[in-house]
Amino acid sequence: MAIDREIESIRDSLVRVVAEWSRNDLQASVAAELDAPLDATEVRALYTVGAGGGSLGFSELAERASLSRPTASKLVSRMSAQGLFDRIRSGRTVVVRLTDDGIESYARLVAAGQQMVGEALAGWAPHEIADFQTRLSRFVVALPGASRATVSPVPPDTVPSTQEET
């Protein structure tokens, strides 16, 4: 069906976007524009906390950044030593909060991302950009529910046999 090919093309395009946006060399070039020398994981953590409103629970940061708790703890310690994060203990929980330097670095990170998106959309008409934004936002809102869907098993008659026919 044509719609299946279109969905496949969309999926492939999304994978390419994530791969492009996550490239270590791209993250390093963005980090080079910041005062603090950050690796790709630190750039993603800075963006994650900033996008969370400037503070995020430690466990939530670990989950959103797909890090184990020990790795997230070391990351937060490094970024605290660089003056970008404060670790605030509240009872049994820990909140990671951007410092003033962290807020400034996050703002520059967002500006670099804005520039990249703007360059990718160069040559698009304003109505095309608005339409893309509307449709992409709608897709992003629907994605969490779709990602919880279970994958249907392939019917047995469509799975190739590993045994030779006799």
Protein backbone atom coordinates (compact mmCIF):
# COMPACT_ATOMS: atom_id res chain seq x y z
CA MET A 1 0.00 0.00 0.00
CA ALA A 2 1.14 3.53 -0.74
CA ILE A 3 0.47 4.69 2.82
CA ASP A 4 2.81 1.96 4.15
CA ARG A 5 5.59 3.22 1.88
CA GLU A 6 4.96 6.78 3.06
CA ILE A 7 5.07 5.70 6.71
CA GLU A 8 8.29 3.81 6.02
CA SER A 9 9.76 6.90 4.40
CA ILE A 10 8.73 9.06 7.38
CA ARG A 11 10.27 6.55 9.79
CA ASP A 12 13.51 6.49 7.79
CA SER A 13 13.59 10.28 7.72
CA LEU A 14 13.07 10.48 11.48
CA VAL A 15 15.92 8.02 12.05
CA ARG A 16 18.14 10.19 9.84
CA VAL A 17 17.14 13.35 11.77
CA VAL A 18 17.96 11.72 15.11
CA ALA A 19 21.25 10.34 13.76
CA GLU A 20 22.22 13.72 12.28
CA TRP A 21 21.25 15.73 15.36
CA SER A 22 23.05 13.25 17.68
CA ARG A 23 26.32 13.01 15.78
CA ASN A 24 29.24 13.40 18.18
CA ASP A 25 31.09 15.74 15.82
CA LEU A 26 28.00 17.95 15.53
CA GLN A 27 27.57 17.98 19.31
CA ALA A 28 31.28 18.80 19.69
CA SER A 29 31.04 21.71 17.24
CA VAL A 30 28.04 23.07 19.14
CA ALA A 31 29.92 22.63 22.43
CA ALA A 32 32.89 24.52 20.99
CA GLU A 33 30.66 27.59 20.82
CA LEU A 34 30.07 27.38 24.58
CA ASP A 35 32.60 28.62 27.13
CA ALA A 36 32.75 25.24 28.86
CA PRO A 37 34.30 22.36 26.89
CA LEU A 38 31.52 19.77 26.88
CA ASP A 39 31.34 16.32 25.36
CA ALA A 40 28.26 15.10 23.49
CA THR A 41 26.69 13.55 26.60
CA GLU A 42 27.18 16.77 28.56
CA VAL A 43 25.62 18.81 25.74
CA ARG A 44 22.57 16.54 25.77
CA ALA A 45 22.33 16.76 29.58
CA LEU A 46 22.55 20.56 29.47
CA TYR A 47 19.82 20.65 26.85
CA THR A 48 17.66 18.16 28.76
CA VAL A 49 17.79 20.13 32.02
CA GLY A 50 17.29 23.43 30.19
CA ALA A 51 14.33 22.08 28.24
CA GLY A 52 12.92 20.87 31.56
CA GLY A 53 12.59 24.49 32.68
CA GLY A 54 16.06 24.78 34.20
CA SER A 55 15.67 22.09 36.83
CA LEU A 56 14.94 18.41 36.73
CA GLY A 57 14.83 15.59 39.24
CA PHE A 58 17.96 13.48 39.16
CA SER A 59 16.07 10.29 38.26
CA GLU A 60 14.16 12.10 35.51
CA LEU A 61 17.42 13.43 34.04
CA ALA A 62 18.90 9.92 34.05
CA GLU A 63 15.79 8.52 32.37
CA ARG A 64 15.44 11.26 29.74
CA ALA A 65 19.15 11.13 28.91
CA SER A 66 19.09 7.29 28.82
CA LEU A 67 21.84 7.06 31.43
CA SER A 68 22.33 4.66 34.30
CA ARG A 69 22.11 6.27 37.72
CA PRO A 70 25.88 5.92 38.38
CA THR A 71 26.71 7.45 34.98
CA ALA A 72 24.23 10.27 35.54
CA SER A 73 25.72 10.91 38.98
CA LYS A 74 29.24 11.23 37.53
CA LEU A 75 27.90 13.46 34.76
CA VAL A 76 26.13 15.77 37.21
CA SER A 77 29.29 15.93 39.36
CA ARG A 78 31.41 16.92 36.33
CA MET A 79 28.92 19.54 35.22
CA SER A 80 28.65 20.88 38.78
CA ALA A 81 32.45 21.19 38.88
CA GLN A 82 32.25 23.14 35.60
CA GLY A 83 29.77 25.51 37.21
CA LEU A 84 26.81 24.55 35.00
CA PHE A 85 24.67 22.50 37.42
CA ASP A 86 23.74 22.76 41.07
CA ARG A 87 22.71 19.61 42.88
CA ILE A 88 19.92 20.48 45.33
CA ARG A 89 19.00 17.88 47.95
CA SER A 90 15.42 17.94 49.15
CA GLY A 91 14.78 15.19 51.64
CA ARG A 92 15.46 11.94 49.84
CA THR A 93 15.37 13.45 46.34
CA VAL A 94 17.94 15.39 44.36
CA VAL A 95 17.09 18.12 41.89
CA VAL A 96 19.58 19.16 39.21
CA ARG A 97 19.32 22.88 38.51
CA LEU A 98 21.10 25.09 36.00
CA THR A 99 23.40 27.70 37.51
CA ASP A 100 23.58 31.19 36.00
CA ASP A 101 26.44 29.95 33.79
CA GLY A 102 24.35 26.90 32.92
CA ILE A 103 21.42 29.12 31.92
CA GLU A 104 23.72 31.18 29.70
CA SER A 105 25.25 28.06 28.11
CA TYR A 106 21.79 26.58 27.56
CA ALA A 107 20.64 29.80 25.85
CA ARG A 108 23.65 29.64 23.52
CA LEU A 109 22.98 25.96 22.86
CA VAL A 110 19.37 26.76 21.92
CA ALA A 111 20.55 29.62 19.68
CA ALA A 112 22.93 27.24 17.87
CA GLY A 113 20.08 24.75 17.36
CA GLN A 114 17.81 27.54 16.14
CA GLN A 115 20.44 28.55 13.61
CA MET A 116 20.83 24.95 12.39
CA VAL A 117 17.07 24.53 11.93
CA GLY A 118 16.86 27.92 10.23
CA GLU A 119 19.60 26.95 7.79
CA ALA A 120 17.86 23.64 7.03
CA LEU A 121 14.64 25.55 6.27
CA ALA A 122 16.36 28.14 4.08
CA GLY A 123 14.42 28.49 0.86
CA TRP A 124 11.13 27.32 2.38
CA ALA A 125 8.19 29.68 2.04
CA PRO A 126 6.79 31.02 5.34
CA HIS A 127 3.55 29.05 4.87
CA GLU A 128 5.56 25.83 4.31
CA ILE A 129 7.45 26.40 7.57
CA ALA A 130 4.19 27.10 9.44
CA ASP A 131 2.56 23.98 7.96
CA PHE A 132 5.59 21.83 8.81
CA GLN A 133 5.63 23.17 12.38
CA THR A 134 1.92 22.44 12.83
CA ARG A 135 2.19 18.90 11.49
CA LEU A 136 5.41 18.11 13.33
CA SER A 137 3.96 19.39 16.62
CA ARG A 138 0.89 17.21 16.12
CA PHE A 139 3.12 14.21 15.45
CA VAL A 140 5.26 14.88 18.53
CA VAL A 141 2.16 15.11 20.75
CA ALA A 142 0.96 11.72 19.44
CA LEU A 143 4.33 9.99 19.70
CA PRO A 144 4.38 9.05 23.42
CA GLY A 145 1.14 7.06 23.09
CA ALA A 146 2.36 5.38 19.93
CA SER A 147 5.71 4.45 21.48
CA ARG A 148 3.89 2.50 24.18
CA ALA A 149 2.15 0.37 21.57
CA THR A 150 3.27 -3.22 21.41
CA VAL A 151 4.83 -4.63 18.30
CA SER A 152 2.60 -7.22 16.68
CA PRO A 153 4.36 -10.50 16.09
CA VAL A 154 4.90 -11.50 12.50
CA PRO A 155 2.39 -14.20 11.49
CA PRO A 156 4.13 -17.61 11.35
CA ASP A 157 3.41 -18.11 7.64
CA THR A 158 5.44 -15.00 6.75
CA VAL A 159 8.56 -15.94 8.73
CA PRO A 160 11.12 -17.67 6.51
CA SER A 161 12.08 -21.12 7.71
CA THR A 162 15.64 -21.73 8.81
CA GLN A 163 15.32 -25.42 7.92
CA GLU A 164 15.98 -26.67 4.43
CA GLU A 165 13.06 -28.19 2.60
CA THR A 166 13.37 -31.93 1.97
